[in-house]
């Protein structure tokens, strides 16, 4: 079976998928099927803003 070409997703799409995951609009498997991405990718997109939020307000974080 041929490999799927690497896809590049817009930031708006990533935010939409991550927000759906945070809102618990379905299981990771359901969201992955609906948006046609891997469940691990959804988890990574969901965790990105949360990991960045830890540095907000810390002196010297910039």
PDB file of N, CA and C in Angstrom:
ATOM      1  N   UNK A   1       0.849  -1.167   0.000  1.00  0.00           N
ATOM      2  CA  UNK A   1       0.000   0.000   0.000  1.00  0.00           C
ATOM      3  C   UNK A   1       0.899   1.236   0.000  1.00  0.00           C
ATOM      4  N   UNK A   2       0.633   2.190  -0.861  1.00  0.00           N
ATOM      5  CA  UNK A   2       1.470   3.399  -0.923  1.00  0.00           C
ATOM      6  C   UNK A   2       1.263   4.272   0.312  1.00  0.00           C
ATOM      7  N   UNK A   3       2.324   4.968   0.685  1.00  0.00           N
ATOM      8  CA  UNK A   3       2.241   5.862   1.835  1.00  0.00           C
ATOM      9  C   UNK A   3       1.476   7.120   1.461  1.00  0.00           C
ATOM     10  N   UNK A   4       0.795   7.666   2.422  1.00  0.00           N
ATOM     11  CA  UNK A   4       0.073   8.915   2.225  1.00  0.00           C
ATOM     12  C   UNK A   4       1.078  10.063   2.262  1.00  0.00           C
ATOM     13  N   UNK A   5       0.903  11.001   1.371  1.00  0.00           N
ATOM     14  CA  UNK A   5       1.787  12.159   1.340  1.00  0.00           C
ATOM     15  C   UNK A   5       1.633  12.961   2.633  1.00  0.00           C
ATOM     16  N   UNK A   6       2.707  13.559   3.073  1.00  0.00           N
ATOM     17  CA  UNK A   6       2.668  14.349   4.293  1.00  0.00           C
ATOM     18  C   UNK A   6       1.732  15.535   4.101  1.00  0.00           C
ATOM     19  N   UNK A   7       0.851  15.708   5.072  1.00  0.00           N
ATOM     20  CA  UNK A   7      -0.120  16.793   4.985  1.00  0.00           C
ATOM     21  C   UNK A   7       0.250  17.904   5.953  1.00  0.00           C
ATOM     22  N   UNK A   8      -0.038  19.114   5.572  1.00  0.00           N
ATOM     23  CA  UNK A   8       0.207  20.273   6.412  1.00  0.00           C
ATOM     24  C   UNK A   8      -1.132  20.896   6.750  1.00  0.00           C
ATOM     25  N   UNK A   9      -1.393  21.030   8.045  1.00  0.00           N
ATOM     26  CA  UNK A   9      -2.676  21.554   8.498  1.00  0.00           C
ATOM     27  C   UNK A   9      -2.520  23.007   8.921  1.00  0.00           C
ATOM     28  N   UNK A  10      -3.521  23.794   8.602  1.00  0.00           N
ATOM     29  CA  UNK A  10      -3.527  25.200   8.987  1.00  0.00           C
ATOM     30  C   UNK A  10      -3.729  25.309  10.500  1.00  0.00           C
ATOM     31  N   UNK A  11      -3.251  26.408  11.053  1.00  0.00           N
ATOM     32  CA  UNK A  11      -3.378  26.626  12.492  1.00  0.00           C
ATOM     33  C   UNK A  11      -4.837  26.652  12.923  1.00  0.00           C
ATOM     34  N   UNK A  12      -5.702  27.194  12.089  1.00  0.00           N
ATOM     35  CA  UNK A  12      -7.128  27.251  12.427  1.00  0.00           C
ATOM     36  C   UNK A  12      -7.722  25.846  12.533  1.00  0.00           C
ATOM     37  N   UNK A  13      -7.314  24.952  11.651  1.00  0.00           N
ATOM     38  CA  UNK A  13      -7.798  23.569  11.698  1.00  0.00           C
ATOM     39  C   UNK A  13      -7.313  22.876  12.964  1.00  0.00           C
ATOM     40  N   UNK A  14      -6.037  23.070  13.299  1.00  0.00           N
ATOM     41  CA  UNK A  14      -5.477  22.471  14.512  1.00  0.00           C
ATOM     42  C   UNK A  14      -6.225  22.956  15.744  1.00  0.00           C
ATOM     43  N   UNK A  15      -6.506  24.254  15.782  1.00  0.00           N
ATOM     44  CA  UNK A  15      -7.217  24.819  16.926  1.00  0.00           C
ATOM     45  C   UNK A  15      -8.633  24.252  17.013  1.00  0.00           C
ATOM     46  N   UNK A  16      -9.282  24.090  15.880  1.00  0.00           N
ATOM     47  CA  UNK A  16     -10.640  23.548  15.840  1.00  0.00           C
ATOM     48  C   UNK A  16     -10.666  22.125  16.393  1.00  0.00           C
ATOM     49  N   UNK A  17      -9.708  21.313  15.963  1.00  0.00           N
ATOM     50  CA  UNK A  17      -9.649  19.920  16.416  1.00  0.00           C
ATOM     51  C   UNK A  17      -9.306  19.864  17.901  1.00  0.00           C
ATOM     52  N   UNK A  18      -8.329  20.661  18.335  1.00  0.00           N
ATOM     53  CA  UNK A  18      -7.927  20.667  19.745  1.00  0.00           C
ATOM     54  C   UNK A  18      -9.074  21.124  20.636  1.00  0.00           C
ATOM     55  N   UNK A  19      -9.797  22.136  20.195  1.00  0.00           N
ATOM     56  CA  UNK A  19     -10.932  22.637  20.970  1.00  0.00           C
ATOM     57  C   UNK A  19     -12.022  21.578  21.087  1.00  0.00           C
ATOM     58  N   UNK A  20     -12.264  20.853  20.027  1.00  0.00           N
ATOM     59  CA  UNK A  20     -13.249  19.766  20.075  1.00  0.00           C
ATOM     60  C   UNK A  20     -12.813  18.700  21.079  1.00  0.00           C
ATOM     61  N   UNK A  21     -11.515  18.429  21.150  1.00  0.00           N
ATOM     62  CA  UNK A  21     -11.013  17.436  22.097  1.00  0.00           C
ATOM     63  C   UNK A  21     -11.133  17.937  23.529  1.00  0.00           C
ATOM     64  N   UNK A  22     -10.818  19.209  23.751  1.00  0.00           N
ATOM     65  CA  UNK A  22     -10.917  19.779  25.098  1.00  0.00           C
ATOM     66  C   UNK A  22     -12.372  19.810  25.560  1.00  0.00           C
ATOM     67  N   UNK A  23     -13.280  20.078  24.653  1.00  0.00           N
ATOM     68  CA  UNK A  23     -14.713  20.134  24.984  1.00  0.00           C
ATOM     69  C   UNK A  23     -15.340  18.745  25.113  1.00  0.00           C
ATOM     70  N   UNK A  24     -14.566  17.694  24.879  1.00  0.00           N
ATOM     71  CA  UNK A  24     -15.065  16.313  24.943  1.00  0.00           C
ATOM     72  C   UNK A  24     -16.249  16.101  24.020  1.00  0.00           C
ATOM     73  N   UNK A  25     -16.111  16.556  22.778  1.00  0.00           N
ATOM     74  CA  UNK A  25     -17.180  16.384  21.794  1.00  0.00           C
ATOM     75  C   UNK A  25     -17.214  14.968  21.224  1.00  0.00           C
ATOM     76  N   UNK A  26     -16.390  14.095  21.746  1.00  0.00           N
ATOM     77  CA  UNK A  26     -16.336  12.707  21.318  1.00  0.00           C
ATOM     78  C   UNK A  26     -15.033  12.101  21.818  1.00  0.00           C
ATOM     79  N   UNK A  27     -14.905  10.798  21.643  1.00  0.00           N
ATOM     80  CA  UNK A  27     -13.655  10.155  22.022  1.00  0.00           C
ATOM     81  C   UNK A  27     -12.568  10.543  21.024  1.00  0.00           C
ATOM     82  N   UNK A  28     -11.322  10.280  21.383  1.00  0.00           N
ATOM     83  CA  UNK A  28     -10.225  10.568  20.456  1.00  0.00           C
ATOM     84  C   UNK A  28     -10.407   9.812  19.152  1.00  0.00           C
ATOM     85  N   UNK A  29     -10.870   8.577  19.254  1.00  0.00           N
ATOM     86  CA  UNK A  29     -11.082   7.778  18.040  1.00  0.00           C
ATOM     87  C   UNK A  29     -12.162   8.395  17.155  1.00  0.00           C
ATOM     88  N   UNK A  30     -13.239   8.870  17.768  1.00  0.00           N
ATOM     89  CA  UNK A  30     -14.311   9.490  16.996  1.00  0.00           C
ATOM     90  C   UNK A  30     -13.842  10.786  16.337  1.00  0.00           C
ATOM     91  N   UNK A  31     -13.109  11.609  17.105  1.00  0.00           N
ATOM     92  CA  UNK A  31     -12.602  12.858  16.557  1.00  0.00           C
ATOM     93  C   UNK A  31     -11.591  12.601  15.446  1.00  0.00           C
ATOM     94  N   UNK A  32     -10.750  11.586  15.626  1.00  0.00           N
ATOM     95  CA  UNK A  32      -9.760  11.252  14.608  1.00  0.00           C
ATOM     96  C   UNK A  32     -10.438  10.848  13.307  1.00  0.00           C
ATOM     97  N   UNK A  33     -11.496  10.095  13.425  1.00  0.00           N
ATOM     98  CA  UNK A  33     -12.230   9.675  12.229  1.00  0.00           C
ATOM     99  C   UNK A  33     -12.930  10.868  11.575  1.00  0.00           C
ATOM    100  N   UNK A  34     -13.527  11.733  12.396  1.00  0.00           N
ATOM    101  CA  UNK A  34     -14.267  12.878  11.863  1.00  0.00           C
ATOM    102  C   UNK A  34     -13.339  13.857  11.145  1.00  0.00           C
ATOM    103  N   UNK A  35     -12.152  14.091  11.730  1.00  0.00           N
ATOM    104  CA  UNK A  35     -11.239  15.071  11.154  1.00  0.00           C
ATOM    105  C   UNK A  35     -10.135  14.445  10.295  1.00  0.00           C
ATOM    106  N   UNK A  36     -10.107  13.127  10.204  1.00  0.00           N
ATOM    107  CA  UNK A  36      -9.137  12.388   9.390  1.00  0.00           C
ATOM    108  C   UNK A  36      -7.694  12.684   9.795  1.00  0.00           C
ATOM    109  N   UNK A  37      -7.435  12.583  11.101  1.00  0.00           N
ATOM    110  CA  UNK A  37      -6.077  12.701  11.635  1.00  0.00           C
ATOM    111  C   UNK A  37      -5.880  11.596  12.661  1.00  0.00           C
ATOM    112  N   UNK A  38      -4.623  11.346  13.011  1.00  0.00           N
ATOM    113  CA  UNK A  38      -4.308  10.299  13.985  1.00  0.00           C
ATOM    114  C   UNK A  38      -4.658  10.771  15.391  1.00  0.00           C
ATOM    115  N   UNK A  39      -5.158   9.876  16.251  1.00  0.00           N
ATOM    116  CA  UNK A  39      -5.499  10.279  17.617  1.00  0.00           C
ATOM    117  C   UNK A  39      -4.315  10.884  18.390  1.00  0.00           C
ATOM    118  N   UNK A  40      -3.120  10.380  18.152  1.00  0.00           N
ATOM    119  CA  UNK A  40      -1.942  10.929  18.834  1.00  0.00           C
ATOM    120  C   UNK A  40      -1.694  12.374  18.414  1.00  0.00           C
ATOM    121  N   UNK A  41      -2.018  12.698  17.168  1.00  0.00           N
ATOM    122  CA  UNK A  41      -1.848  14.068  16.700  1.00  0.00           C
ATOM    123  C   UNK A  41      -2.830  14.999  17.396  1.00  0.00           C
ATOM    124  N   UNK A  42      -4.037  14.524  17.625  1.00  0.00           N
ATOM    125  CA  UNK A  42      -5.026  15.325  18.348  1.00  0.00           C
ATOM    126  C   UNK A  42      -4.537  15.606  19.764  1.00  0.00           C
ATOM    127  N   UNK A  43      -3.991  14.588  20.415  1.00  0.00           N
ATOM    128  CA  UNK A  43      -3.475  14.762  21.764  1.00  0.00           C
ATOM    129  C   UNK A  43      -2.344  15.784  21.790  1.00  0.00           C
ATOM    130  N   UNK A  44      -1.467  15.729  20.807  1.00  0.00           N
ATOM    131  CA  UNK A  44      -0.354  16.680  20.751  1.00  0.00           C
ATOM    132  C   UNK A  44      -0.861  18.101  20.544  1.00  0.00           C
ATOM    133  N   UNK A  45      -1.821  18.277  19.660  1.00  0.00           N
ATOM    134  CA  UNK A  45      -2.372  19.609  19.408  1.00  0.00           C
ATOM    135  C   UNK A  45      -3.106  20.121  20.639  1.00  0.00           C
ATOM    136  N   UNK A  46      -3.768  19.225  21.364  1.00  0.00           N
ATOM    137  CA  UNK A  46      -4.513  19.611  22.555  1.00  0.00           C
ATOM    138  C   UNK A  46      -3.556  20.045  23.674  1.00  0.00           C
ATOM    139  N   UNK A  47      -2.413  19.386  23.780  1.00  0.00           N
ATOM    140  CA  UNK A  47      -1.467  19.663  24.854  1.00  0.00           C
ATOM    141  C   UNK A  47      -0.587  20.872  24.572  1.00  0.00           C
ATOM    142  N   UNK A  48      -0.442  21.281  23.329  1.00  0.00           N
ATOM    143  CA  UNK A  48       0.439  22.402  22.993  1.00  0.00           C
ATOM    144  C   UNK A  48       0.065  23.694  23.706  1.00  0.00           C
ATOM    145  N   UNK A  49      -1.178  24.149  23.658  1.00  0.00           N
ATOM    146  CA  UNK A  49      -1.489  25.400  24.358  1.00  0.00           C
ATOM    147  C   UNK A  49      -1.334  25.268  25.869  1.00  0.00           C
ATOM    148  N   UNK A  50      -1.605  24.083  26.399  1.00  0.00           N
ATOM    149  CA  UNK A  50      -1.492  23.891  27.842  1.00  0.00           C
ATOM    150  C   UNK A  50      -0.039  23.937  28.289  1.00  0.00           C
ATOM    151  N   UNK A  51       0.869  23.392  27.497  1.00  0.00           N
ATOM    152  CA  UNK A  51       2.283  23.431  27.873  1.00  0.00           C
ATOM    153  C   UNK A  51       2.837  24.844  27.728  1.00  0.00           C
ATOM    154  N   UNK A  52       2.329  25.604  26.770  1.00  0.00           N
ATOM    155  CA  UNK A  52       2.766  26.981  26.607  1.00  0.00           C
ATOM    156  C   UNK A  52       2.212  27.887  27.686  1.00  0.00           C
ATOM    157  N   UNK A  53       1.066  27.525  28.240  1.00  0.00           N
ATOM    158  CA  UNK A  53       0.448  28.346  29.271  1.00  0.00           C
ATOM    159  C   UNK A  53       1.266  28.327  30.556  1.00  0.00           C
ATOM    160  N   UNK A  54       2.062  27.294  30.755  1.00  0.00           N
ATOM    161  CA  UNK A  54       2.874  27.211  31.959  1.00  0.00           C
ATOM    162  C   UNK A  54       3.968  28.262  31.967  1.00  0.00           C
ATOM    163  N   UNK A  55       4.387  28.730  30.796  1.00  0.00           N
ATOM    164  CA  UNK A  55       5.457  29.718  30.743  1.00  0.00           C
ATOM    165  C   UNK A  55       4.948  31.146  30.771  1.00  0.00           C
ATOM    166  N   UNK A  56       3.643  31.348  30.627  1.00  0.00           N
ATOM    167  CA  UNK A  56       3.073  32.696  30.626  1.00  0.00           C
ATOM    168  C   UNK A  56       3.206  33.290  32.023  1.00  0.00           C
ATOM    169  N   UNK A  57       3.734  34.483  32.081  1.00  0.00           N
ATOM    170  CA  UNK A  57       3.849  35.164  33.355  1.00  0.00           C
ATOM    171  C   UNK A  57       5.108  34.866  34.127  1.00  0.00           C
ATOM    172  N   UNK A  58       5.895  33.909  33.669  1.00  0.00           N
ATOM    173  CA  UNK A  58       7.150  33.605  34.353  1.00  0.00           C
ATOM    174  C   UNK A  58       8.212  34.583  33.892  1.00  0.00           C
ATOM    175  N   UNK A  59       8.942  35.188  34.801  1.00  0.00           N
ATOM    176  CA  UNK A  59      10.024  36.081  34.396  1.00  0.00           C
ATOM    177  C   UNK A  59      11.095  35.321  33.629  1.00  0.00           C
ATOM    178  N   UNK A  60      11.541  35.884  32.539  1.00  0.00           N
ATOM    179  CA  UNK A  60      12.588  35.272  31.730  1.00  0.00           C
ATOM    180  C   UNK A  60      12.097  34.178  30.819  1.00  0.00           C
ATOM    181  N   UNK A  61      10.804  34.005  30.690  1.00  0.00           N
ATOM    182  CA  UNK A  61      10.253  32.948  29.847  1.00  0.00           C
ATOM    183  C   UNK A  61      10.341  33.309  28.375  1.00  0.00           C
ATOM    184  N   UNK A  62      10.480  34.573  28.055  1.00  0.00           N
ATOM    185  CA  UNK A  62      10.508  35.013  26.661  1.00  0.00           C
ATOM    186  C   UNK A  62      11.836  34.829  26.035  1.00  0.00           C
TER     187      UNK A  62
END
